[in-house]
Amino acid sequence: MASNNIDDLLDKATKQQEKQKQKPVTMSQLFSILKEQGQNWRDEHVKVLKNGEEKIQHIPPRTIADILKRYVIFAVIGKKEKDFEKANLAYYDLDAGIYKHNSTNIEKLIIAVERSTSIKQRRETMEYLRLDAPQKHPTESRNLIIVGNGVFNKNTKKLEPYNPRYIFTSKISTNYNPQAQEPNFKGWSLSKWFKDIAENDNEKEILLWQSLACAINPNLTPDVAIFLVDNGQGRTGKSTFERLLENLVGIDNHAPLKLKEFEEDFKLANAQGVKLIIGDDNNPNDYNKTSENFKRVATGETILVNPKRLPPFSTQFNCFIVQSMNGLPRFKDDSDALLRRIKIIKFNHQYNDKTANKDIKEKYIKDKRLLEWILSKVIVMDFDFMIDTEESRQEIKELKIANDPVAYYVNEHINDLKSQRLPIVFLFKHFQATSDYENNPQKMKQSTFTRRLRPLLEAKGYTYSKNNLAPLTYWNIDDEKLLEQYDINYKYRVKVDITKYQPLFERPEDNQDETN
């Protein structure tokens, strides 16, 4: 009889070892195995009391972590060594084929092993897992794109199965279908619609397609954001284009975040692990005092995220940013470091409010056939830079003028002055007076004004002289009278000493006769 018991135990142990060797291929199988492993541990560690009763033991956090590590692939993901200190724990989702930073799901895995764990015990288990997890760098190859049915390899032009060796934290929901053809919906097609939006501007049409390509593969141009702009008249197709981008990447792969919300670090947590950030209907009257987080997210730099009621953590955003607005935004930061990251697409074409146009947004751009055709077209696109259209350049110039008070001053007021030699001391007072007059007073120092003014005027052909020239007869007294017209509160009056050597700008010769 004893021999039979020993045989049963050996048989059970052998089956258990065999099951431990099994690798789950779905999350459902994983949960089943974890539950069984937890029960096996409890069966093996039953404590027999003195009175002969059996007491079920609960699995301690350290042991739960060890069981999970046998079947679940965990990782701490970061780009640099210091990123790993505050990076969140991620697990590989067998169904999705990506690594997920989802603490709720990890807790469910813990409960599958031991359902009686307390919040404290689950957190302890997660900390063991985080400390034990291997440090992995995200897959950022521009030639590998994870989609709804696998990983597309641009080098081989083939679709590979999901694999945990690729460290992806998000994916495109649309399937790759190399046989996909462009559908036609009652005479409407995407190709024709893009030509309407582009108004037969070939470069603008290319930029629309490049935007779709970057939405599915942000590694193409990791430091550029697209601003979609119209004048607020409605029915321009702007919001339809946004929804098309969202449908292409999938509901779990995009997040809403407006320009000003980038600087609210707790809101950034909602955008972790997505390929596309959409900021819909930014208020053009919002004043963006800082754009540091926006720039860091756009370039994929490490950023500290501070979600509500959770510990802060470091992460990188590998995503494409699209912002929509009725009119150009206002930034305190008007540097090239910010503006060169922006491409602008204007939606000038206004459509009639007809049923067919409603179908575009409500039916056509959701159609699986269209999305698969778009993906098959843009997934093979390759470029190092997004095209810089003439329209975008002009809008960026307007944006800089609107947000840079010195650039605005040069654009609006410098040509009103008649003198051939313009002393800095006068220009600064004139700048202050015109700004004050237009209800935009400036607290800028004269040295800062000079530094920012110099490249703008030199680009127009002016010559800067620090202390080698005096205004002399090249000064026109009418400019002082012009200053007085703006200086209605008598705050900025100045008398130019025309014999004194002083910092000044001299007009280019081709403008002097015109001024005289």
Protein backbone atom coordinates (compact mmCIF):
# COMPACT_ATOMS: atom_id res chain seq x y z
CA MET A 1 0.00 0.00 0.00
CA ALA A 2 2.87 2.30 0.92
CA SER A 3 4.51 1.47 -2.38
CA ASN A 4 1.40 2.66 -4.24
CA ASN A 5 1.44 5.98 -2.35
CA ILE A 6 5.09 6.52 -3.24
CA ASP A 7 4.35 5.71 -6.89
CA ASP A 8 1.46 8.20 -6.90
CA LEU A 9 3.68 10.92 -5.45
CA LEU A 10 6.44 10.21 -7.97
CA ASP A 11 3.94 10.20 -10.80
CA LYS A 12 2.50 13.50 -9.62
CA ALA A 13 5.98 15.01 -9.30
CA THR A 14 6.90 13.85 -12.81
CA LYS A 15 3.73 15.37 -14.29
CA GLN A 16 4.40 18.59 -12.42
CA GLN A 17 7.95 18.78 -13.79
CA GLU A 18 6.62 18.19 -17.28
CA LYS A 19 4.10 21.00 -16.87
CA GLN A 20 6.81 23.33 -15.58
CA LYS A 21 8.62 22.80 -18.87
CA GLN A 22 5.56 23.84 -20.81
CA LYS A 23 5.63 27.36 -22.21
CA PRO A 24 2.23 29.06 -22.48
CA VAL A 25 1.44 30.64 -25.83
CA THR A 26 -1.65 32.62 -24.79
CA MET A 27 -2.51 34.68 -21.74
CA SER A 28 -5.38 32.28 -20.97
CA GLN A 29 -2.95 29.35 -20.85
CA LEU A 30 -0.59 31.43 -18.72
CA PHE A 31 -3.25 32.15 -16.10
CA SER A 32 -4.26 28.47 -15.99
CA ILE A 33 -0.67 27.37 -15.43
CA LEU A 34 -0.09 30.00 -12.74
CA LYS A 35 -3.23 28.94 -10.85
CA GLU A 36 -2.15 25.29 -11.03
CA GLN A 37 1.39 26.09 -9.87
CA GLY A 38 0.02 28.04 -6.94
CA GLN A 39 -2.25 25.16 -5.95
CA ASN A 40 0.61 22.67 -6.29
CA TRP A 41 2.74 24.73 -3.93
CA ARG A 42 -0.06 24.89 -1.37
CA ASP A 43 -0.64 21.13 -1.66
CA GLU A 44 3.05 20.45 -1.07
CA HIS A 45 3.29 22.79 1.90
CA VAL A 46 0.21 21.72 3.88
CA LYS A 47 1.01 21.99 7.57
CA VAL A 48 -0.30 19.18 9.78
CA LEU A 49 -1.22 20.43 13.24
CA LYS A 50 -0.80 18.41 16.47
CA ASN A 51 -4.47 17.52 16.46
CA GLY A 52 -4.10 16.04 12.99
CA GLU A 53 -5.85 18.85 11.17
CA GLU A 54 -4.30 20.23 7.99
CA LYS A 55 -3.61 23.95 7.65
CA ILE A 56 -3.28 25.53 4.20
CA GLN A 57 -0.16 27.69 3.87
CA HIS A 58 -0.23 30.94 1.92
CA ILE A 59 2.54 31.51 -0.59
CA PRO A 60 4.97 34.25 0.53
CA PRO A 61 5.75 37.15 -1.86
CA ARG A 62 9.29 35.97 -2.60
CA THR A 63 8.03 32.56 -3.68
CA ILE A 64 5.19 34.06 -5.75
CA ALA A 65 7.80 36.12 -7.60
CA ASP A 66 9.90 33.01 -8.26
CA ILE A 67 6.89 31.10 -9.65
CA LEU A 68 5.93 34.03 -11.90
CA LYS A 69 9.48 34.33 -13.25
CA ARG A 70 9.30 30.75 -14.56
CA TYR A 71 6.41 31.53 -16.90
CA VAL A 72 6.18 35.28 -17.38
CA ILE A 73 8.74 37.41 -19.22
CA PHE A 74 9.43 40.56 -17.22
CA ALA A 75 11.67 43.50 -18.06
CA VAL A 76 12.68 46.95 -16.93
CA ILE A 77 12.90 49.04 -20.09
CA GLY A 78 15.08 52.09 -20.61
CA LYS A 79 17.55 53.74 -22.95
CA LYS A 80 20.30 54.68 -20.47
CA GLU A 81 21.65 53.24 -17.24
CA LYS A 82 20.07 55.90 -15.04
CA ASP A 83 16.65 55.29 -16.68
CA PHE A 84 16.39 51.89 -15.02
CA GLU A 85 16.37 53.29 -11.48
CA LYS A 86 12.82 54.64 -11.72
CA ALA A 87 11.50 52.67 -14.68
CA ASN A 88 8.29 50.71 -14.15
CA LEU A 89 8.12 46.94 -14.34
CA ALA A 90 6.82 45.60 -17.67
CA TYR A 91 5.60 42.15 -18.65
CA TYR A 92 5.33 40.51 -22.07
CA ASP A 93 1.70 40.08 -23.16
CA LEU A 94 1.54 36.81 -25.10
CA ASP A 95 -1.65 37.79 -26.95
CA ALA A 96 -0.62 41.32 -27.93
CA GLY A 97 3.05 40.57 -28.61
CA ILE A 98 4.21 43.67 -26.70
CA TYR A 99 5.56 44.58 -23.27
CA LYS A 100 3.01 46.34 -21.08
CA HIS A 101 3.52 48.69 -18.13
CA ASN A 102 0.24 47.73 -16.52
CA SER A 103 0.47 47.27 -12.75
CA THR A 104 -3.16 46.09 -12.52
CA ASN A 105 -2.48 43.22 -14.92
CA ILE A 106 0.70 42.26 -13.06
CA GLU A 107 -1.32 42.16 -9.83
CA LYS A 108 -3.80 39.82 -11.57
CA LEU A 109 -0.89 37.52 -12.40
CA ILE A 110 0.11 37.55 -8.73
CA ILE A 111 -3.45 36.76 -7.64
CA ALA A 112 -3.55 33.84 -10.11
CA VAL A 113 -0.75 32.26 -8.07
CA GLU A 114 -2.02 33.31 -4.64
CA ARG A 115 -5.45 34.90 -4.45
CA SER A 116 -5.17 35.74 -0.74
CA THR A 117 -2.38 38.29 -1.12
CA SER A 118 -2.89 41.70 0.45
CA ILE A 119 -2.09 44.99 -1.27
CA LYS A 120 1.14 45.17 0.71
CA GLN A 121 2.13 41.62 -0.31
CA ARG A 122 1.38 42.31 -3.99
CA ARG A 123 3.54 45.42 -3.90
CA GLU A 124 6.31 43.46 -2.21
CA THR A 125 6.07 40.79 -4.92
CA MET A 126 6.19 43.42 -7.66
CA GLU A 127 9.27 44.98 -6.12
CA TYR A 128 11.02 41.58 -6.09
CA LEU A 129 10.07 41.16 -9.75
CA ARG A 130 11.30 44.65 -10.64
CA LEU A 131 14.64 44.11 -8.91
CA ASP A 132 15.08 40.68 -10.55
CA ALA A 133 13.90 41.74 -14.02
CA PRO A 134 16.51 42.06 -16.76
CA GLN A 135 17.21 45.55 -18.07
CA LYS A 136 16.25 45.84 -21.72
CA HIS A 137 16.54 48.58 -24.31
CA PRO A 138 13.48 49.39 -26.44
CA THR A 139 13.50 48.24 -30.04
CA GLU A 140 13.74 51.44 -32.04
CA SER A 141 14.78 50.16 -35.43
CA ARG A 142 13.05 52.06 -38.20
CA ASN A 143 13.00 48.80 -40.14
CA LEU A 144 10.85 46.86 -37.66
CA ILE A 145 7.19 47.84 -37.31
CA ILE A 146 4.81 45.91 -35.07
CA VAL A 147 1.29 45.70 -36.49
CA GLY A 148 -1.96 43.87 -35.79
CA ASN A 149 -0.81 40.50 -37.13
CA GLY A 150 2.95 40.45 -36.57
CA VAL A 151 6.21 42.35 -36.97
CA PHE A 152 6.90 43.77 -40.43
CA ASN A 153 10.57 43.70 -41.42
CA LYS A 154 11.28 46.42 -43.99
CA ASN A 155 14.58 44.81 -44.95
CA THR A 156 13.00 41.51 -45.97
CA LYS A 157 9.54 42.97 -46.77
CA LYS A 158 8.07 40.07 -44.79
CA LEU A 159 5.84 39.71 -41.76
CA GLU A 160 7.40 37.92 -38.80
CA PRO A 161 5.54 36.44 -35.80
CA TYR A 162 5.56 38.33 -32.51
CA ASN A 163 8.68 37.66 -30.46
CA PRO A 164 9.64 38.79 -26.94
CA ARG A 165 13.16 39.56 -28.14
CA TYR A 166 11.64 42.64 -29.79
CA ILE A 167 11.06 45.16 -27.01
CA PHE A 168 7.92 46.94 -28.17
CA THR A 169 5.54 48.64 -25.73
CA SER A 170 2.80 49.46 -28.25
CA LYS A 171 1.66 48.34 -31.68
CA ILE A 172 -0.44 49.32 -34.67
CA SER A 173 -3.83 47.58 -34.53
CA THR A 174 -4.30 47.45 -38.33
CA ASN A 175 -3.22 44.21 -40.01
CA TYR A 176 -0.60 44.17 -42.73
CA ASN A 177 -2.11 42.91 -45.99
CA PRO A 178 0.27 43.06 -48.98
CA GLN A 179 -2.63 42.35 -51.36
CA ALA A 180 -4.72 45.32 -50.19
CA GLN A 181 -6.14 47.64 -52.88
CA GLU A 182 -7.51 51.16 -52.49
CA PRO A 183 -11.29 50.96 -52.09
CA ASN A 184 -13.71 53.40 -53.69
CA PHE A 185 -16.75 54.51 -51.68
CA LYS A 186 -19.46 55.88 -53.98
CA GLY A 187 -16.92 57.93 -55.88
CA TRP A 188 -14.89 58.97 -52.81
CA SER A 189 -11.30 57.79 -52.48
CA LEU A 190 -8.52 58.71 -50.07
CA SER A 191 -6.11 59.58 -52.88
CA LYS A 192 -8.52 62.12 -54.34
CA TRP A 193 -9.36 63.51 -50.90
CA PHE A 194 -5.68 64.12 -50.15
CA LYS A 195 -5.35 66.03 -53.42
CA ASP A 196 -8.29 68.21 -52.36
CA ILE A 197 -6.69 68.94 -48.99
CA ALA A 198 -3.32 69.62 -50.62
CA GLU A 199 -4.96 71.92 -53.21
CA ASN A 200 -2.81 70.32 -55.92
CA ASP A 201 0.39 71.15 -54.00
CA ASN A 202 2.54 68.04 -54.52
CA GLU A 203 4.78 68.73 -51.51
CA LYS A 204 1.79 69.18 -49.21
CA GLU A 205 0.31 65.90 -50.46
CA ILE A 206 3.60 64.15 -49.70
CA LEU A 207 3.55 65.63 -46.18
CA LEU A 208 0.07 64.16 -45.59
CA TRP A 209 1.33 60.69 -46.55
CA GLN A 210 4.49 61.14 -44.47
CA SER A 211 2.30 61.97 -41.47
CA LEU A 212 0.54 58.62 -41.85
CA ALA A 213 3.91 56.88 -42.16
CA CYS A 214 5.23 58.54 -38.97
CA ALA A 215 2.06 57.63 -37.07
CA ILE A 216 2.78 53.93 -37.59
CA ASN A 217 6.57 54.31 -37.36
CA PRO A 218 7.72 57.28 -35.24
CA ASN A 219 11.34 56.16 -35.69
CA LEU A 220 11.32 57.63 -39.21
CA THR A 221 11.49 61.20 -37.91
CA PRO A 222 11.55 61.09 -34.11
CA ASP A 223 11.80 64.83 -33.50
CA VAL A 224 8.98 66.35 -35.59
CA ALA A 225 5.40 67.20 -34.63
CA ILE A 226 2.59 68.07 -37.04
CA PHE A 227 0.28 71.02 -36.43
CA LEU A 228 -3.05 70.85 -38.27
CA VAL A 229 -4.43 74.37 -38.66
CA ASP A 230 -7.58 75.95 -40.07
CA ASN A 231 -9.30 79.27 -39.43
CA GLY A 232 -12.17 77.77 -37.46
CA GLN A 233 -14.77 77.81 -40.21
CA GLY A 234 -15.45 74.06 -39.84
CA ARG A 235 -15.92 71.23 -42.38
CA THR A 236 -12.32 71.48 -43.58
CA GLY A 237 -11.47 67.80 -43.12
CA LYS A 238 -9.04 68.52 -40.28
CA SER A 239 -10.82 66.46 -37.61
CA THR A 240 -11.49 63.71 -40.17
CA PHE A 241 -7.74 63.45 -40.83
CA GLU A 242 -7.15 63.16 -37.07
CA ARG A 243 -9.70 60.36 -36.77
CA LEU A 244 -8.08 58.59 -39.74
CA LEU A 245 -4.74 58.60 -37.89
CA GLU A 246 -6.42 57.25 -34.76
CA ASN A 247 -8.23 54.50 -36.66
CA LEU A 248 -4.99 53.46 -38.35
CA VAL A 249 -3.01 53.02 -35.13
CA GLY A 250 -5.94 51.73 -33.04
CA ILE A 251 -7.88 52.79 -29.97
CA ASP A 252 -5.26 51.48 -27.51
CA ASN A 253 -2.37 53.08 -29.36
CA HIS A 254 -3.19 56.78 -29.20
CA ALA A 255 -3.76 59.21 -26.36
CA PRO A 256 -5.24 62.73 -26.12
CA LEU A 257 -2.82 65.42 -24.95
CA LYS A 258 -2.99 69.12 -25.80
CA LEU A 259 0.06 71.37 -25.99
CA LYS A 260 -0.35 72.89 -22.53
CA GLU A 261 -1.01 69.44 -21.02
CA PHE A 262 2.50 68.23 -21.94
CA GLU A 263 3.80 70.41 -19.12
CA GLU A 264 1.47 68.74 -16.56
CA ASP A 265 3.61 65.73 -15.78
CA PHE A 266 0.79 63.71 -14.18
CA LYS A 267 -1.17 63.87 -17.47
CA LEU A 268 1.81 62.52 -19.38
CA ALA A 269 1.29 59.18 -17.63
CA ASN A 270 -1.84 58.63 -19.72
CA ALA A 271 0.24 58.76 -22.89
CA GLN A 272 2.87 56.21 -21.92
CA GLY A 273 3.33 53.40 -24.41
CA VAL A 274 1.34 54.82 -27.32
CA LYS A 275 2.50 55.48 -30.86
CA LEU A 276 0.35 58.57 -31.45
CA ILE A 277 -0.46 61.62 -29.31
CA ILE A 278 -3.37 63.73 -30.59
CA GLY A 279 -4.13 67.18 -29.24
CA ASP A 280 -7.56 68.16 -30.52
CA ASP A 281 -8.85 71.74 -30.68
CA ASN A 282 -6.01 73.55 -28.91
CA ASN A 283 -7.17 77.02 -27.93
CA PRO A 284 -5.06 79.49 -29.96
CA ASN A 285 -5.42 81.96 -27.08
CA ASP A 286 -3.69 79.60 -24.65
CA TYR A 287 -0.24 80.92 -23.76
CA ASN A 288 2.33 78.12 -23.47
CA LYS A 289 4.76 79.46 -20.87
CA THR A 290 7.07 76.48 -21.19
CA SER A 291 7.53 73.78 -23.82
CA GLU A 292 10.25 71.67 -22.20
CA ASN A 293 8.21 68.48 -21.86
CA PHE A 294 6.80 68.90 -25.38
CA LYS A 295 10.34 69.05 -26.78
CA ARG A 296 11.50 66.08 -24.67
CA VAL A 297 8.59 63.92 -25.73
CA ALA A 298 9.08 64.88 -29.39
CA THR A 299 12.76 63.87 -29.29
CA GLY A 300 12.27 60.74 -27.18
CA GLU A 301 14.37 62.01 -24.26
CA THR A 302 13.98 60.58 -20.78
CA ILE A 303 11.29 62.36 -18.80
CA LEU A 304 10.05 62.04 -15.23
CA VAL A 305 6.34 61.28 -15.08
CA ASN A 306 4.45 61.88 -11.87
CA PRO A 307 1.04 60.18 -12.04
CA LYS A 308 -1.56 60.92 -9.38
CA ARG A 309 -1.55 58.57 -6.38
CA LEU A 310 1.36 56.57 -7.81
CA PRO A 311 5.16 56.83 -7.43
CA PRO A 312 6.94 58.95 -10.09
CA PHE A 313 8.88 57.07 -12.74
CA SER A 314 11.22 57.77 -15.65
CA THR A 315 10.27 56.85 -19.19
CA GLN A 316 10.77 57.72 -22.84
CA PHE A 317 8.03 58.42 -25.35
CA ASN A 318 8.52 56.90 -28.77
CA CYS A 319 5.52 58.46 -30.47
CA PHE A 320 4.34 60.82 -33.18
CA ILE A 321 2.74 64.09 -32.05
CA VAL A 322 -0.19 65.69 -33.89
CA GLN A 323 -1.80 68.89 -32.62
CA SER A 324 -4.95 70.47 -34.03
CA MET A 325 -5.95 74.13 -33.67
CA ASN A 326 -7.93 77.02 -35.12
CA GLY A 327 -5.10 79.50 -35.55
CA LEU A 328 -1.44 79.42 -34.58
CA PRO A 329 -0.51 78.76 -30.94
CA ARG A 330 1.32 81.16 -28.64
CA PHE A 331 4.67 80.16 -27.11
CA LYS A 332 6.98 81.90 -24.71
CA ASP A 333 9.73 79.73 -26.17
CA ASP A 334 10.29 80.99 -29.70
CA SER A 335 13.67 79.33 -30.19
CA ASP A 336 14.67 77.37 -33.26
CA ALA A 337 15.00 74.33 -30.96
CA LEU A 338 11.21 74.38 -30.67
CA LEU A 339 10.11 75.73 -34.04
CA ARG A 340 12.26 73.37 -36.12
CA ARG A 341 10.33 70.47 -34.60
CA ILE A 342 7.06 71.71 -36.05
CA LYS A 343 5.57 71.16 -39.52
CA ILE A 344 2.28 72.86 -40.31
CA ILE A 345 -0.49 71.56 -42.56
CA LYS A 346 -3.27 74.06 -43.30
CA PHE A 347 -6.77 72.86 -44.09
CA ASN A 348 -8.12 75.57 -46.35
CA HIS A 349 -10.69 73.62 -48.34
CA GLN A 350 -14.22 73.92 -46.93
CA TYR A 351 -16.69 71.18 -47.85
CA ASN A 352 -20.45 71.36 -48.20
CA ASP A 353 -22.40 69.83 -45.34
CA LYS A 354 -23.80 66.83 -47.20
CA THR A 355 -24.60 63.27 -46.17
CA ALA A 356 -21.78 61.92 -48.34
CA ASN A 357 -19.25 64.02 -46.41
CA LYS A 358 -20.59 62.69 -43.10
CA ASP A 359 -20.08 59.16 -44.38
CA ILE A 360 -16.37 59.87 -44.82
CA LYS A 361 -15.89 60.31 -41.07
CA GLU A 362 -18.52 57.88 -39.86
CA LYS A 363 -17.92 54.99 -42.28
CA TYR A 364 -15.19 55.29 -44.92
CA ILE A 365 -12.15 56.06 -42.74
CA LYS A 366 -13.11 53.22 -40.37
CA ASP A 367 -13.30 50.64 -43.15
CA LYS A 368 -10.85 47.75 -42.68
CA ARG A 369 -10.08 47.66 -46.41
CA LEU A 370 -9.02 51.31 -46.47
CA LEU A 371 -6.90 51.04 -43.31
CA GLU A 372 -5.10 47.94 -44.58
CA TRP A 373 -4.42 49.62 -47.93
CA ILE A 374 -3.03 52.72 -46.20
CA LEU A 375 -0.80 50.56 -44.00
CA SER A 376 0.49 48.56 -46.96
CA LYS A 377 1.39 51.85 -48.69
CA VAL A 378 3.04 53.75 -45.83
CA ILE A 379 4.76 50.84 -44.08
CA VAL A 380 7.38 50.66 -46.84
CA MET A 381 7.98 54.43 -46.99
CA ASP A 382 11.47 55.55 -46.02
CA PHE A 383 12.74 59.11 -45.49
CA ASP A 384 15.10 60.88 -43.12
CA PHE A 385 13.28 64.21 -42.96
CA MET A 386 9.67 65.27 -43.31
CA ILE A 387 9.23 67.51 -46.29
CA ASP A 388 9.35 71.24 -45.50
CA THR A 389 6.60 72.77 -47.61
CA GLU A 390 6.50 76.44 -48.58
CA GLU A 391 3.20 76.71 -46.71
CA SER A 392 4.77 75.33 -43.54
CA ARG A 393 7.79 77.63 -43.80
CA GLN A 394 5.57 80.69 -44.14
CA GLU A 395 3.39 79.63 -41.21
CA ILE A 396 6.44 78.98 -39.02
CA LYS A 397 7.71 82.43 -39.94
CA GLU A 398 4.36 83.90 -38.89
CA LEU A 399 4.47 81.81 -35.73
CA LYS A 400 7.91 83.14 -34.85
CA ILE A 401 6.86 86.72 -35.50
CA ALA A 402 3.69 86.28 -33.46
CA ASN A 403 5.55 84.73 -30.51
CA ASP A 404 8.84 86.63 -30.64
CA PRO A 405 8.28 90.29 -29.64
CA VAL A 406 11.59 91.34 -31.21
CA ALA A 407 10.80 89.59 -34.50
CA TYR A 408 7.34 91.15 -34.41
CA TYR A 409 8.91 94.58 -33.82
CA VAL A 410 11.24 94.19 -36.79
CA ASN A 411 8.44 92.97 -39.02
CA GLU A 412 5.92 95.66 -38.03
CA HIS A 413 7.89 98.77 -37.05
CA ILE A 414 11.47 98.89 -38.27
CA ASN A 415 10.54 100.10 -41.76
CA ASP A 416 8.70 103.10 -40.27
CA LEU A 417 12.00 104.58 -39.12
CA LYS A 418 13.73 107.03 -41.47
CA SER A 419 17.27 107.29 -40.10
CA GLN A 420 20.15 105.64 -41.89
CA ARG A 421 21.93 105.04 -38.57
CA LEU A 422 19.78 103.77 -35.72
CA PRO A 423 21.34 103.82 -32.22
CA ILE A 424 20.57 100.84 -30.00
CA VAL A 425 19.52 103.12 -27.15
CA PHE A 426 16.81 104.60 -29.38
CA LEU A 427 15.71 101.27 -30.88
CA PHE A 428 15.28 99.76 -27.44
CA LYS A 429 13.09 102.65 -26.26
CA HIS A 430 11.10 102.51 -29.51
CA PHE A 431 10.63 98.75 -29.03
CA GLN A 432 9.40 99.28 -25.45
CA ALA A 433 7.06 102.10 -26.47
CA THR A 434 5.46 100.22 -29.38
CA SER A 435 5.05 97.08 -27.24
CA ASP A 436 3.45 99.07 -24.43
CA TYR A 437 1.22 100.92 -26.88
CA GLU A 438 -0.05 97.58 -28.24
CA ASN A 439 -0.78 96.31 -24.72
CA ASN A 440 2.14 93.88 -24.70
CA PRO A 441 4.68 95.50 -22.31
CA GLN A 442 8.15 93.97 -22.25
CA LYS A 443 10.53 93.48 -19.32
CA MET A 444 13.41 92.51 -21.56
CA LYS A 445 16.88 93.91 -20.84
CA GLN A 446 18.57 96.06 -23.48
CA SER A 447 21.41 93.55 -23.84
CA THR A 448 18.89 90.75 -24.54
CA PHE A 449 17.05 92.96 -27.02
CA THR A 450 20.31 93.73 -28.85
CA ARG A 451 21.33 90.07 -28.98
CA ARG A 452 17.98 89.03 -30.44
CA LEU A 453 17.68 92.03 -32.75
CA ARG A 454 21.09 91.70 -34.37
CA PRO A 455 20.56 88.51 -36.45
CA LEU A 456 17.12 89.73 -37.55
CA LEU A 457 18.41 93.06 -38.87
CA GLU A 458 21.59 91.57 -40.32
CA ALA A 459 19.36 89.17 -42.29
CA LYS A 460 17.76 92.29 -43.79
CA GLY A 461 21.18 93.71 -44.74
CA TYR A 462 21.79 96.03 -41.77
CA THR A 463 25.32 96.38 -40.41
CA TYR A 464 25.99 96.40 -36.68
CA SER A 465 28.66 98.71 -35.24
CA LYS A 466 29.43 98.44 -31.55
CA ASN A 467 31.32 101.70 -30.88
CA ASN A 468 32.94 102.77 -34.13
CA LEU A 469 30.28 105.09 -35.55
CA ALA A 470 28.20 108.10 -34.50
CA PRO A 471 24.75 108.90 -35.93
CA LEU A 472 25.85 112.35 -37.25
CA THR A 473 23.74 113.55 -40.17
CA TYR A 474 22.54 110.00 -40.77
CA TRP A 475 20.07 110.52 -37.94
CA ASN A 476 16.57 111.78 -38.78
CA ILE A 477 14.84 113.78 -36.02
CA ASP A 478 11.45 112.54 -37.29
CA ASP A 479 12.16 109.19 -35.61
CA GLU A 480 12.14 110.86 -32.19
CA LYS A 481 8.73 112.34 -33.02
CA LEU A 482 7.52 108.87 -34.03
CA LEU A 483 8.67 107.55 -30.64
CA GLU A 484 6.66 110.27 -28.91
CA GLN A 485 3.50 109.18 -30.74
CA TYR A 486 3.76 105.72 -29.19
CA ASP A 487 5.08 106.85 -25.80
CA ILE A 488 1.73 108.21 -24.60
CA ASN A 489 2.70 107.81 -20.91
CA TYR A 490 6.08 109.58 -21.24
CA LYS A 491 8.01 106.52 -20.10
CA TYR A 492 10.44 105.93 -22.96
CA ARG A 493 11.62 109.35 -24.21
CA VAL A 494 15.23 109.56 -25.31
CA LYS A 495 17.39 112.27 -26.89
CA VAL A 496 19.91 110.90 -29.36
CA ASP A 497 23.40 112.38 -29.14
CA ILE A 498 24.32 112.41 -32.82
CA THR A 499 28.03 113.14 -32.13
CA LYS A 500 28.60 110.26 -29.74
CA TYR A 501 30.19 107.01 -30.84
CA GLN A 502 27.76 104.31 -29.74
CA PRO A 503 26.32 100.91 -30.68
CA LEU A 504 24.06 101.29 -33.72
CA PHE A 505 22.72 99.66 -36.86
CA GLU A 506 23.31 101.13 -40.29
CA ARG A 507 20.81 100.54 -43.07
CA PRO A 508 21.94 98.72 -46.21
CA GLU A 509 22.85 101.09 -49.01
CA ASP A 510 20.02 99.94 -51.28
CA ASN A 511 17.53 101.15 -48.63
CA GLN A 512 19.12 104.50 -47.93
CA ASP A 513 17.99 106.38 -51.02
CA GLU A 514 14.47 105.06 -50.48
CA THR A 515 14.56 106.29 -46.87
CA ASN A 516 15.87 109.72 -47.88
